[in-house]
Amino acid sequence: MPSNDELACVYAALILMDDEVPITVEKISTILKAASVTVEPYWPGLFAKAASGLDLRAIVCNVGSGVGTGGGGGGSAPAPGSAPTADAPAAEEKKEESAAEESDDDMGFSLFG
C-alpha cells in the first residue's frame, strides 16, 4: 500500500500534468507546501525524475484500455498500420486448459464421462 508521502507526490504530479506545467522538484514542493503536506525530502525529486521520461497524459488517458493487461508486460497496443501478431499467451493458455482437462479425465474426475 502506498504511503501518504507517495500519494501526495502522485497527486501533485497529476495536478501539474493536468495544468500542463512541467513536473519539477520545485513545482511538486510548492504544491505540497500549499496543501500543508509534509513529505520526506527525497520524494519530490524521485517523482520529478520519474516523470521526466514519461508521457503522463497518455498514460492517464489510456488506463484500462491496454490489451493483455493480465501481466507479462504485453499491455501495449500495436501501432496503426502494423501487421497483427499471433496472440502467443492466449494460445499457450488454451494448451494448458486442454492438458488440464485431459488429465482430469484420465484420473476419473470427469463430470460427464
PDB file of N, CA and C in Angstrom:
ATOM      1  N   MET A   1       0.849  -1.173   0.000  1.00  0.00           N
ATOM      2  CA  MET A   1       0.000   0.000   0.000  1.00  0.00           C
ATOM      3  C   MET A   1       0.893   1.233   0.000  1.00  0.00           C
ATOM      4  N   PRO A   2       0.585   2.174  -0.855  1.00  0.00           N
ATOM      5  CA  PRO A   2       1.428   3.378  -0.931  1.00  0.00           C
ATOM      6  C   PRO A   2       1.354   4.202   0.356  1.00  0.00           C
ATOM      7  N   SER A   3       2.450   4.860   0.638  1.00  0.00           N
ATOM      8  CA  SER A   3       2.480   5.724   1.812  1.00  0.00           C
ATOM      9  C   SER A   3       1.812   7.055   1.487  1.00  0.00           C
ATOM     10  N   ASN A   4       1.524   7.816   2.522  1.00  0.00           N
ATOM     11  CA  ASN A   4       0.918   9.135   2.314  1.00  0.00           C
ATOM     12  C   ASN A   4       1.861  10.058   1.550  1.00  0.00           C
ATOM     13  N   ASP A   5       3.181   9.910   1.775  1.00  0.00           N
ATOM     14  CA  ASP A   5       4.156  10.715   1.045  1.00  0.00           C
ATOM     15  C   ASP A   5       4.071  10.445  -0.453  1.00  0.00           C
ATOM     16  N   GLU A   6       3.983   9.163  -0.802  1.00  0.00           N
ATOM     17  CA  GLU A   6       3.870   8.789  -2.216  1.00  0.00           C
ATOM     18  C   GLU A   6       2.602   9.360  -2.831  1.00  0.00           C
ATOM     19  N   LEU A   7       1.491   9.165  -2.143  1.00  0.00           N
ATOM     20  CA  LEU A   7       0.214   9.640  -2.679  1.00  0.00           C
ATOM     21  C   LEU A   7       0.207  11.149  -2.860  1.00  0.00           C
ATOM     22  N   ALA A   8       0.777  11.864  -1.900  1.00  0.00           N
ATOM     23  CA  ALA A   8       0.819  13.324  -2.010  1.00  0.00           C
ATOM     24  C   ALA A   8       1.610  13.736  -3.245  1.00  0.00           C
ATOM     25  N   CYS A   9       2.726  13.073  -3.495  1.00  0.00           N
ATOM     26  CA  CYS A   9       3.540  13.402  -4.673  1.00  0.00           C
ATOM     27  C   CYS A   9       2.845  12.997  -5.968  1.00  0.00           C
ATOM     28  N   VAL A  10       2.137  11.890  -5.960  1.00  0.00           N
ATOM     29  CA  VAL A  10       1.379  11.468  -7.143  1.00  0.00           C
ATOM     30  C   VAL A  10       0.322  12.504  -7.475  1.00  0.00           C
ATOM     31  N   TYR A  11      -0.428  12.923  -6.464  1.00  0.00           N
ATOM     32  CA  TYR A  11      -1.478  13.916  -6.699  1.00  0.00           C
ATOM     33  C   TYR A  11      -0.889  15.237  -7.174  1.00  0.00           C
ATOM     34  N   ALA A  12       0.240  15.641  -6.591  1.00  0.00           N
ATOM     35  CA  ALA A  12       0.886  16.886  -7.017  1.00  0.00           C
ATOM     36  C   ALA A  12       1.320  16.775  -8.481  1.00  0.00           C
ATOM     37  N   ALA A  13       1.898  15.628  -8.855  1.00  0.00           N
ATOM     38  CA  ALA A  13       2.327  15.431 -10.242  1.00  0.00           C
ATOM     39  C   ALA A  13       1.126  15.435 -11.190  1.00  0.00           C
ATOM     40  N   LEU A  14       0.014  14.843 -10.767  1.00  0.00           N
ATOM     41  CA  LEU A  14      -1.183  14.831 -11.611  1.00  0.00           C
ATOM     42  C   LEU A  14      -1.764  16.239 -11.776  1.00  0.00           C
ATOM     43  N   ILE A  15      -1.713  17.023 -10.715  1.00  0.00           N
ATOM     44  CA  ILE A  15      -2.181  18.411 -10.819  1.00  0.00           C
ATOM     45  C   ILE A  15      -1.327  19.180 -11.821  1.00  0.00           C
ATOM     46  N   LEU A  16      -0.009  19.013 -11.721  1.00  0.00           N
ATOM     47  CA  LEU A  16       0.889  19.705 -12.648  1.00  0.00           C
ATOM     48  C   LEU A  16       0.654  19.238 -14.081  1.00  0.00           C
ATOM     49  N   MET A  17       0.481  17.925 -14.256  1.00  0.00           N
ATOM     50  CA  MET A  17       0.241  17.391 -15.598  1.00  0.00           C
ATOM     51  C   MET A  17      -1.059  17.952 -16.168  1.00  0.00           C
ATOM     52  N   ASP A  18      -2.099  18.009 -15.342  1.00  0.00           N
ATOM     53  CA  ASP A  18      -3.391  18.498 -15.803  1.00  0.00           C
ATOM     54  C   ASP A  18      -3.327  19.965 -16.214  1.00  0.00           C
ATOM     55  N   ASP A  19      -2.513  20.740 -15.520  1.00  0.00           N
ATOM     56  CA  ASP A  19      -2.352  22.162 -15.861  1.00  0.00           C
ATOM     57  C   ASP A  19      -1.279  22.395 -16.919  1.00  0.00           C
ATOM     58  N   GLU A  20      -0.715  21.314 -17.440  1.00  0.00           N
ATOM     59  CA  GLU A  20       0.342  21.360 -18.460  1.00  0.00           C
ATOM     60  C   GLU A  20       1.552  22.171 -18.001  1.00  0.00           C
ATOM     61  N   VAL A  21       1.898  21.991 -16.730  1.00  0.00           N
ATOM     62  CA  VAL A  21       3.065  22.626 -16.133  1.00  0.00           C
ATOM     63  C   VAL A  21       4.146  21.553 -16.028  1.00  0.00           C
ATOM     64  N   PRO A  22       5.386  21.875 -16.376  1.00  0.00           N
ATOM     65  CA  PRO A  22       6.454  20.878 -16.252  1.00  0.00           C
ATOM     66  C   PRO A  22       6.563  20.364 -14.809  1.00  0.00           C
ATOM     67  N   ILE A  23       6.733  19.060 -14.681  1.00  0.00           N
ATOM     68  CA  ILE A  23       6.815  18.438 -13.362  1.00  0.00           C
ATOM     69  C   ILE A  23       8.261  18.505 -12.883  1.00  0.00           C
ATOM     70  N   THR A  24       8.505  19.408 -11.952  1.00  0.00           N
ATOM     71  CA  THR A  24       9.845  19.597 -11.402  1.00  0.00           C
ATOM     72  C   THR A  24       9.786  19.468  -9.890  1.00  0.00           C
ATOM     73  N   VAL A  25      10.956  19.338  -9.273  1.00  0.00           N
ATOM     74  CA  VAL A  25      11.045  19.240  -7.819  1.00  0.00           C
ATOM     75  C   VAL A  25      10.430  20.478  -7.176  1.00  0.00           C
ATOM     76  N   GLU A  26      10.754  21.629  -7.721  1.00  0.00           N
ATOM     77  CA  GLU A  26      10.260  22.881  -7.146  1.00  0.00           C
ATOM     78  C   GLU A  26       8.736  22.974  -7.218  1.00  0.00           C
ATOM     79  N   LYS A  27       8.176  22.582  -8.365  1.00  0.00           N
ATOM     80  CA  LYS A  27       6.722  22.676  -8.549  1.00  0.00           C
ATOM     81  C   LYS A  27       5.989  21.698  -7.625  1.00  0.00           C
ATOM     82  N   ILE A  28       6.499  20.472  -7.509  1.00  0.00           N
ATOM     83  CA  ILE A  28       5.884  19.498  -6.608  1.00  0.00           C
ATOM     84  C   ILE A  28       5.962  20.001  -5.176  1.00  0.00           C
ATOM     85  N   SER A  29       7.123  20.510  -4.789  1.00  0.00           N
ATOM     86  CA  SER A  29       7.297  21.034  -3.422  1.00  0.00           C
ATOM     87  C   SER A  29       6.368  22.201  -3.146  1.00  0.00           C
ATOM     88  N   THR A  30       6.166  23.052  -4.148  1.00  0.00           N
ATOM     89  CA  THR A  30       5.274  24.200  -3.991  1.00  0.00           C
ATOM     90  C   THR A  30       3.836  23.746  -3.746  1.00  0.00           C
ATOM     91  N   ILE A  31       3.385  22.778  -4.511  1.00  0.00           N
ATOM     92  CA  ILE A  31       2.021  22.266  -4.335  1.00  0.00           C
ATOM     93  C   ILE A  31       1.869  21.614  -2.970  1.00  0.00           C
ATOM     94  N   LEU A  32       2.861  20.820  -2.570  1.00  0.00           N
ATOM     95  CA  LEU A  32       2.793  20.164  -1.265  1.00  0.00           C
ATOM     96  C   LEU A  32       2.769  21.182  -0.127  1.00  0.00           C
ATOM     97  N   LYS A  33       3.573  22.244  -0.274  1.00  0.00           N
ATOM     98  CA  LYS A  33       3.607  23.291   0.749  1.00  0.00           C
ATOM     99  C   LYS A  33       2.266  24.018   0.811  1.00  0.00           C
ATOM    100  N   ALA A  34       1.671  24.308  -0.353  1.00  0.00           N
ATOM    101  CA  ALA A  34       0.379  24.994  -0.395  1.00  0.00           C
ATOM    102  C   ALA A  34      -0.726  24.140   0.223  1.00  0.00           C
ATOM    103  N   ALA A  35      -0.574  22.819   0.132  1.00  0.00           N
ATOM    104  CA  ALA A  35      -1.566  21.909   0.703  1.00  0.00           C
ATOM    105  C   ALA A  35      -1.255  21.569   2.155  1.00  0.00           C
ATOM    106  N   SER A  36      -0.207  22.161   2.702  1.00  0.00           N
ATOM    107  CA  SER A  36       0.232  21.898   4.081  1.00  0.00           C
ATOM    108  C   SER A  36       0.534  20.420   4.314  1.00  0.00           C
ATOM    109  N   VAL A  37       1.183  19.805   3.320  1.00  0.00           N
ATOM    110  CA  VAL A  37       1.563  18.401   3.409  1.00  0.00           C
ATOM    111  C   VAL A  37       3.082  18.327   3.524  1.00  0.00           C
ATOM    112  N   THR A  38       3.557  17.611   4.532  1.00  0.00           N
ATOM    113  CA  THR A  38       5.000  17.425   4.670  1.00  0.00           C
ATOM    114  C   THR A  38       5.349  16.002   4.263  1.00  0.00           C
ATOM    115  N   VAL A  39       6.381  15.884   3.451  1.00  0.00           N
ATOM    116  CA  VAL A  39       6.858  14.581   2.995  1.00  0.00           C
ATOM    117  C   VAL A  39       8.360  14.518   3.225  1.00  0.00           C
ATOM    118  N   GLU A  40       8.885  13.317   3.161  1.00  0.00           N
ATOM    119  CA  GLU A  40      10.341  13.160   3.232  1.00  0.00           C
ATOM    120  C   GLU A  40      10.946  13.927   2.056  1.00  0.00           C
ATOM    121  N   PRO A  41      12.095  14.556   2.264  1.00  0.00           N
ATOM    122  CA  PRO A  41      12.663  15.434   1.233  1.00  0.00           C
ATOM    123  C   PRO A  41      13.010  14.763  -0.095  1.00  0.00           C
ATOM    124  N   TYR A  42      13.178  13.452  -0.103  1.00  0.00           N
ATOM    125  CA  TYR A  42      13.578  12.787  -1.346  1.00  0.00           C
ATOM    126  C   TYR A  42      12.401  12.503  -2.278  1.00  0.00           C
ATOM    127  N   TRP A  43      11.157  12.513  -1.770  1.00  0.00           N
ATOM    128  CA  TRP A  43      10.007  12.162  -2.608  1.00  0.00           C
ATOM    129  C   TRP A  43       9.786  13.090  -3.797  1.00  0.00           C
ATOM    130  N   PRO A  44       9.784  14.405  -3.645  1.00  0.00           N
ATOM    131  CA  PRO A  44       9.558  15.262  -4.820  1.00  0.00           C
ATOM    132  C   PRO A  44      10.607  15.046  -5.917  1.00  0.00           C
ATOM    133  N   GLY A  45      11.852  14.887  -5.516  1.00  0.00           N
ATOM    134  CA  GLY A  45      12.902  14.638  -6.512  1.00  0.00           C
ATOM    135  C   GLY A  45      12.727  13.311  -7.217  1.00  0.00           C
ATOM    136  N   LEU A  46      12.321  12.318  -6.470  1.00  0.00           N
ATOM    137  CA  LEU A  46      12.098  10.993  -7.047  1.00  0.00           C
ATOM    138  C   LEU A  46      10.979  11.029  -8.085  1.00  0.00           C
ATOM    139  N   PHE A  47       9.877  11.686  -7.740  1.00  0.00           N
ATOM    140  CA  PHE A  47       8.758  11.762  -8.672  1.00  0.00           C
ATOM    141  C   PHE A  47       9.068  12.650  -9.871  1.00  0.00           C
ATOM    142  N   ALA A  48       9.786  13.739  -9.658  1.00  0.00           N
ATOM    143  CA  ALA A  48      10.141  14.616 -10.774  1.00  0.00           C
ATOM    144  C   ALA A  48      11.048  13.881 -11.757  1.00  0.00           C
ATOM    145  N   LYS A  49      11.985  13.108 -11.226  1.00  0.00           N
ATOM    146  CA  LYS A  49      12.896  12.356 -12.095  1.00  0.00           C
ATOM    147  C   LYS A  49      12.140  11.258 -12.852  1.00  0.00           C
ATOM    148  N   ALA A  50      11.245  10.572 -12.159  1.00  0.00           N
ATOM    149  CA  ALA A  50      10.474   9.503 -12.805  1.00  0.00           C
ATOM    150  C   ALA A  50       9.542  10.059 -13.879  1.00  0.00           C
ATOM    151  N   ALA A  51       8.954  11.206 -13.631  1.00  0.00           N
ATOM    152  CA  ALA A  51       8.003  11.784 -14.578  1.00  0.00           C
ATOM    153  C   ALA A  51       8.683  12.428 -15.773  1.00  0.00           C
ATOM    154  N   SER A  52       9.966  12.731 -15.653  1.00  0.00           N
ATOM    155  CA  SER A  52      10.649  13.432 -16.742  1.00  0.00           C
ATOM    156  C   SER A  52      10.734  12.608 -18.020  1.00  0.00           C
ATOM    157  N   GLY A  53      10.773  11.293 -17.919  1.00  0.00           N
ATOM    158  CA  GLY A  53      10.889  10.461 -19.109  1.00  0.00           C
ATOM    159  C   GLY A  53       9.585   9.839 -19.555  1.00  0.00           C
ATOM    160  N   LEU A  54       8.472  10.265 -18.965  1.00  0.00           N
ATOM    161  CA  LEU A  54       7.190   9.647 -19.274  1.00  0.00           C
ATOM    162  C   LEU A  54       6.209  10.640 -19.888  1.00  0.00           C
ATOM    163  N   ASP A  55       5.311  10.106 -20.694  1.00  0.00           N
ATOM    164  CA  ASP A  55       4.198  10.902 -21.203  1.00  0.00           C
ATOM    165  C   ASP A  55       3.000  10.598 -20.300  1.00  0.00           C
ATOM    166  N   LEU A  56       2.928  11.301 -19.181  1.00  0.00           N
ATOM    167  CA  LEU A  56       1.899  11.012 -18.185  1.00  0.00           C
ATOM    168  C   LEU A  56       0.493  11.204 -18.725  1.00  0.00           C
ATOM    169  N   ARG A  57       0.311  12.169 -19.589  1.00  0.00           N
ATOM    170  CA  ARG A  57      -1.024  12.415 -20.149  1.00  0.00           C
ATOM    171  C   ARG A  57      -1.504  11.175 -20.912  1.00  0.00           C
ATOM    172  N   ALA A  58      -0.638  10.575 -21.703  1.00  0.00           N
ATOM    173  CA  ALA A  58      -1.013   9.374 -22.457  1.00  0.00           C
ATOM    174  C   ALA A  58      -1.267   8.201 -21.513  1.00  0.00           C
ATOM    175  N   ILE A  59      -0.474   8.091 -20.467  1.00  0.00           N
ATOM    176  CA  ILE A  59      -0.658   7.003 -19.515  1.00  0.00           C
ATOM    177  C   ILE A  59      -2.003   7.133 -18.810  1.00  0.00           C
ATOM    178  N   VAL A  60      -2.314   8.332 -18.345  1.00  0.00           N
ATOM    179  CA  VAL A  60      -3.573   8.551 -17.631  1.00  0.00           C
ATOM    180  C   VAL A  60      -4.763   8.358 -18.564  1.00  0.00           C
ATOM    181  N   CYS A  61      -4.659   8.813 -19.782  1.00  0.00           N
ATOM    182  CA  CYS A  61      -5.774   8.692 -20.722  1.00  0.00           C
ATOM    183  C   CYS A  61      -6.012   7.257 -21.176  1.00  0.00           C
ATOM    184  N   ASN A  62      -4.993   6.415 -21.105  1.00  0.00           N
ATOM    185  CA  ASN A  62      -5.112   5.045 -21.585  1.00  0.00           C
ATOM    186  C   ASN A  62      -5.202   4.011 -20.476  1.00  0.00           C
ATOM    187  N   VAL A  63      -5.472   4.434 -19.260  1.00  0.00           N
ATOM    188  CA  VAL A  63      -5.594   3.488 -18.154  1.00  0.00           C
ATOM    189  C   VAL A  63      -6.753   2.550 -18.434  1.00  0.00           C
ATOM    190  N   GLY A  64      -6.485   1.274 -18.380  1.00  0.00           N
ATOM    191  CA  GLY A  64      -7.528   0.282 -18.577  1.00  0.00           C
ATOM    192  C   GLY A  64      -7.842  -0.039 -20.021  1.00  0.00           C
ATOM    193  N   SER A  65      -7.229   0.645 -20.966  1.00  0.00           N
ATOM    194  CA  SER A  65      -7.542   0.367 -22.364  1.00  0.00           C
ATOM    195  C   SER A  65      -6.499  -0.527 -23.022  1.00  0.00           C
ATOM    196  N   GLY A  66      -5.485  -0.955 -22.281  1.00  0.00           N
ATOM    197  CA  GLY A  66      -4.440  -1.798 -22.838  1.00  0.00           C
ATOM    198  C   GLY A  66      -4.942  -3.203 -23.101  1.00  0.00           C
ATOM    199  N   VAL A  67      -4.445  -3.823 -24.148  1.00  0.00           N
ATOM    200  CA  VAL A  67      -4.790  -5.190 -24.482  1.00  0.00           C
ATOM    201  C   VAL A  67      -3.829  -6.101 -23.741  1.00  0.00           C
ATOM    202  N   GLY A  68      -4.336  -7.141 -23.136  1.00  0.00           N
ATOM    203  CA  GLY A  68      -3.473  -8.096 -22.449  1.00  0.00           C
ATOM    204  C   GLY A  68      -2.901  -7.548 -21.157  1.00  0.00           C
ATOM    205  N   THR A  69      -3.717  -6.887 -20.355  1.00  0.00           N
ATOM    206  CA  THR A  69      -3.216  -6.295 -19.120  1.00  0.00           C
ATOM    207  C   THR A  69      -3.072  -7.316 -18.009  1.00  0.00           C
ATOM    208  N   GLY A  70      -3.158  -8.582 -18.304  1.00  0.00           N
ATOM    209  CA  GLY A  70      -3.079  -9.609 -17.282  1.00  0.00           C
ATOM    210  C   GLY A  70      -1.678  -9.964 -16.865  1.00  0.00           C
ATOM    211  N   GLY A  71      -0.690  -9.162 -17.182  1.00  0.00           N
ATOM    212  CA  GLY A  71       0.677  -9.445 -16.764  1.00  0.00           C
ATOM    213  C   GLY A  71       1.546  -9.772 -17.946  1.00  0.00           C
ATOM    214  N   GLY A  72       2.793  -9.992 -17.708  1.00  0.00           N
ATOM    215  CA  GLY A  72       3.719 -10.365 -18.757  1.00  0.00           C
ATOM    216  C   GLY A  72       4.233  -9.197 -19.568  1.00  0.00           C
ATOM    217  N   GLY A  73       3.817  -7.986 -19.265  1.00  0.00           N
ATOM    218  CA  GLY A  73       4.334  -6.810 -19.945  1.00  0.00           C
ATOM    219  C   GLY A  73       3.792  -6.611 -21.342  1.00  0.00           C
ATOM    220  N   GLY A  74       2.747  -7.304 -21.740  1.00  0.00           N
ATOM    221  CA  GLY A  74       2.215  -7.155 -23.093  1.00  0.00           C
ATOM    222  C   GLY A  74       1.045  -6.206 -23.151  1.00  0.00           C
ATOM    223  N   GLY A  75       1.093  -5.100 -22.435  1.00  0.00           N
ATOM    224  CA  GLY A  75      -0.047  -4.218 -22.350  1.00  0.00           C
ATOM    225  C   GLY A  75      -0.124  -3.142 -23.405  1.00  0.00           C
ATOM    226  N   SER A  76       0.746  -3.139 -24.402  1.00  0.00           N
ATOM    227  CA  SER A  76       0.694  -2.072 -25.392  1.00  0.00           C
ATOM    228  C   SER A  76      -0.003  -2.554 -26.647  1.00  0.00           C
ATOM    229  N   ALA A  77      -0.760  -1.665 -27.227  1.00  0.00           N
ATOM    230  CA  ALA A  77      -1.479  -1.990 -28.456  1.00  0.00           C
ATOM    231  C   ALA A  77      -0.534  -1.845 -29.641  1.00  0.00           C
ATOM    232  N   PRO A  78      -0.755  -2.604 -30.729  1.00  0.00           N
ATOM    233  CA  PRO A  78       0.110  -2.477 -31.887  1.00  0.00           C
ATOM    234  C   PRO A  78      -0.047  -1.117 -32.552  1.00  0.00           C
ATOM    235  N   ALA A  79       0.995  -0.677 -33.201  1.00  0.00           N
ATOM    236  CA  ALA A  79       0.976   0.605 -33.888  1.00  0.00           C
ATOM    237  C   ALA A  79       0.019   0.545 -35.072  1.00  0.00           C
ATOM    238  N   PRO A  80      -0.641   1.658 -35.395  1.00  0.00           N
ATOM    239  CA  PRO A  80      -1.547   1.667 -36.546  1.00  0.00           C
ATOM    240  C   PRO A  80      -0.789   1.292 -37.820  1.00  0.00           C
ATOM    241  N   GLY A  81      -1.409   0.431 -38.610  1.00  0.00           N
ATOM    242  CA  GLY A  81      -0.797   0.027 -39.861  1.00  0.00           C
ATOM    243  C   GLY A  81       0.164  -1.132 -39.737  1.00  0.00           C
ATOM    244  N   SER A  82       0.424  -1.589 -38.510  1.00  0.00           N
ATOM    245  CA  SER A  82       1.342  -2.711 -38.353  1.00  0.00           C
ATOM    246  C   SER A  82       0.577  -4.012 -38.530  1.00  0.00           C
ATOM    247  N   ALA A  83       1.296  -5.029 -38.906  1.00  0.00           N
ATOM    248  CA  ALA A  83       0.683  -6.327 -39.134  1.00  0.00           C
ATOM    249  C   ALA A  83       0.291  -6.945 -37.799  1.00  0.00           C
ATOM    250  N   PRO A  84      -0.858  -7.609 -37.727  1.00  0.00           N
ATOM    251  CA  PRO A  84      -1.250  -8.244 -36.473  1.00  0.00           C
ATOM    252  C   PRO A  84      -0.313  -9.399 -36.157  1.00  0.00           C
ATOM    253  N   THR A  85      -0.084  -9.596 -34.889  1.00  0.00           N
ATOM    254  CA  THR A  85       0.787 -10.684 -34.457  1.00  0.00           C
ATOM    255  C   THR A  85      -0.047 -11.750 -33.779  1.00  0.00           C
ATOM    256  N   ALA A  86       0.481 -12.946 -33.733  1.00  0.00           N
ATOM    257  CA  ALA A  86      -0.220 -14.046 -33.081  1.00  0.00           C
ATOM    258  C   ALA A  86      -0.287 -13.798 -31.587  1.00  0.00           C
ATOM    259  N   ASP A  87      -1.374 -14.172 -30.983  1.00  0.00           N
ATOM    260  CA  ASP A  87      -1.540 -13.970 -29.547  1.00  0.00           C
ATOM    261  C   ASP A  87      -0.987 -15.186 -28.826  1.00  0.00           C
ATOM    262  N   ALA A  88       0.323 -15.204 -28.625  1.00  0.00           N
ATOM    263  CA  ALA A  88       1.001 -16.351 -28.046  1.00  0.00           C
ATOM    264  C   ALA A  88       0.525 -16.682 -26.637  1.00  0.00           C
ATOM    265  N   PRO A  89       0.335 -15.707 -25.738  1.00  0.00           N
ATOM    266  CA  PRO A  89      -0.115 -16.073 -24.395  1.00  0.00           C
ATOM    267  C   PRO A  89      -1.478 -16.756 -24.395  1.00  0.00           C
ATOM    268  N   ALA A  90      -2.410 -16.322 -25.267  1.00  0.00           N
ATOM    269  CA  ALA A  90      -3.722 -16.936 -25.313  1.00  0.00           C
ATOM    270  C   ALA A  90      -3.625 -18.365 -25.840  1.00  0.00           C
ATOM    271  N   ALA A  91      -2.779 -18.586 -26.838  1.00  0.00           N
ATOM    272  CA  ALA A  91      -2.603 -19.926 -27.382  1.00  0.00           C
ATOM    273  C   ALA A  91      -2.002 -20.849 -26.336  1.00  0.00           C
ATOM    274  N   GLU A  92      -1.038 -20.325 -25.579  1.00  0.00           N
ATOM    275  CA  GLU A  92      -0.407 -21.123 -24.538  1.00  0.00           C
ATOM    276  C   GLU A  92      -1.411 -21.473 -23.449  1.00  0.00           C
ATOM    277  N   GLU A  93      -2.282 -20.517 -23.113  1.00  0.00           N
ATOM    278  CA  GLU A  93      -3.297 -20.751 -22.089  1.00  0.00           C
ATOM    279  C   GLU A  93      -4.267 -21.834 -22.534  1.00  0.00           C
ATOM    280  N   LYS A  94      -4.650 -21.828 -23.829  1.00  0.00           N
ATOM    281  CA  LYS A  94      -5.565 -22.845 -24.339  1.00  0.00           C
ATOM    282  C   LYS A  94      -4.929 -24.226 -24.263  1.00  0.00           C
ATOM    283  N   LYS A  95      -3.621 -24.312 -24.559  1.00  0.00           N
ATOM    284  CA  LYS A  95      -2.924 -25.594 -24.458  1.00  0.00           C
ATOM    285  C   LYS A  95      -2.959 -26.105 -23.028  1.00  0.00           C
ATOM    286  N   GLU A  96      -2.715 -25.216 -22.073  1.00  0.00           N
ATOM    287  CA  GLU A  96      -2.717 -25.612 -20.670  1.00  0.00           C
ATOM    288  C   GLU A  96      -4.095 -26.077 -20.236  1.00  0.00           C
ATOM    289  N   GLU A  97      -5.159 -25.385 -20.707  1.00  0.00           N
ATOM    290  CA  GLU A  97      -6.512 -25.775 -20.350  1.00  0.00           C
ATOM    291  C   GLU A  97      -6.836 -27.163 -20.879  1.00  0.00           C
ATOM    292  N   SER A  98      -6.504 -27.414 -22.146  1.00  0.00           N
ATOM    293  CA  SER A  98      -6.824 -28.718 -22.716  1.00  0.00           C
ATOM    294  C   SER A  98      -6.012 -29.814 -22.044  1.00  0.00           C
ATOM    295  N   ALA A  99      -4.774 -29.526 -21.667  1.00  0.00           N
ATOM    296  CA  ALA A  99      -3.960 -30.509 -20.962  1.00  0.00           C
ATOM    297  C   ALA A  99      -4.549 -30.796 -19.592  1.00  0.00           C
ATOM    298  N   ALA A 100      -5.064 -29.775 -18.929  1.00  0.00           N
ATOM    299  CA  ALA A 100      -5.666 -29.960 -17.609  1.00  0.00           C
ATOM    300  C   ALA A 100      -6.948 -30.782 -17.730  1.00  0.00           C
ATOM    301  N   GLU A 101      -7.740 -30.531 -18.759  1.00  0.00           N
ATOM    302  CA  GLU A 101      -8.971 -31.285 -18.949  1.00  0.00           C
ATOM    303  C   GLU A 101      -8.675 -32.749 -19.209  1.00  0.00           C
ATOM    304  N   GLU A 102      -7.666 -33.028 -20.042  1.00  0.00           N
ATOM    305  CA  GLU A 102      -7.302 -34.409 -20.351  1.00  0.00           C
ATOM    306  C   GLU A 102      -6.828 -35.130 -19.104  1.00  0.00           C
ATOM    307  N   SER A 103      -6.020 -34.473 -18.291  1.00  0.00           N
ATOM    308  CA  SER A 103      -5.505 -35.133 -17.104  1.00  0.00           C
ATOM    309  C   SER A 103      -6.627 -35.387 -16.107  1.00  0.00           C
ATOM    310  N   ASP A 104      -7.625 -34.517 -16.022  1.00  0.00           N
ATOM    311  CA  ASP A 104      -8.757 -34.748 -15.143  1.00  0.00           C
ATOM    312  C   ASP A 104      -9.554 -35.968 -15.601  1.00  0.00           C
ATOM    313  N   ASP A 105      -9.742 -36.098 -16.912  1.00  0.00           N
ATOM    314  CA  ASP A 105     -10.468 -37.239 -17.446  1.00  0.00           C
ATOM    315  C   ASP A 105      -9.713 -38.535 -17.173  1.00  0.00           C
ATOM    316  N   ASP A 106      -8.417 -38.510 -17.313  1.00  0.00           N
ATOM    317  CA  ASP A 106      -7.611 -39.707 -17.101  1.00  0.00           C
ATOM    318  C   ASP A 106      -7.680 -40.187 -15.652  1.00  0.00           C
ATOM    319  N   MET A 107      -7.874 -39.282 -14.724  1.00  0.00           N
ATOM    320  CA  MET A 107      -7.875 -39.653 -13.312  1.00  0.00           C
ATOM    321  C   MET A 107      -9.288 -39.953 -12.807  1.00  0.00           C
ATOM    322  N   GLY A 108     -10.283 -39.949 -13.670  1.00  0.00           N
ATOM    323  CA  GLY A 108     -11.635 -40.291 -13.272  1.00  0.00           C
ATOM    324  C   GLY A 108     -12.415 -39.153 -12.652  1.00  0.00           C
ATOM    325  N   PHE A 109     -11.963 -37.902 -12.881  1.00  0.00           N
ATOM    326  CA  PHE A 109     -12.647 -36.760 -12.311  1.00  0.00           C
ATOM    327  C   PHE A 109     -13.559 -36.067 -13.321  1.00  0.00           C
ATOM    328  N   SER A 110     -13.873 -36.684 -14.388  1.00  0.00           N
ATOM    329  CA  SER A 110     -14.692 -36.064 -15.424  1.00  0.00           C
ATOM    330  C   SER A 110     -16.144 -35.956 -14.942  1.00  0.00           C
ATOM    331  N   LEU A 111     -16.751 -34.811 -15.235  1.00  0.00           N
ATOM    332  CA  LEU A 111     -18.149 -34.613 -14.860  1.00  0.00           C
ATOM    333  C   LEU A 111     -19.103 -35.386 -15.758  1.00  0.00           C
ATOM    334  N   PHE A 112     -18.725 -35.554 -17.026  1.00  0.00           N
ATOM    335  CA  PHE A 112     -19.657 -36.111 -17.996  1.00  0.00           C
ATOM    336  C   PHE A 112     -19.195 -37.459 -18.541  1.00  0.00           C
ATOM    337  N   GLY A 113     -18.305 -38.119 -17.913  1.00  0.00           N
ATOM    338  CA  GLY A 113     -17.808 -39.345 -18.523  1.00  0.00           C
ATOM    339  C   GLY A 113     -17.744 -40.423 -17.573  1.00  0.00           C
TER     340      GLY A 113
END
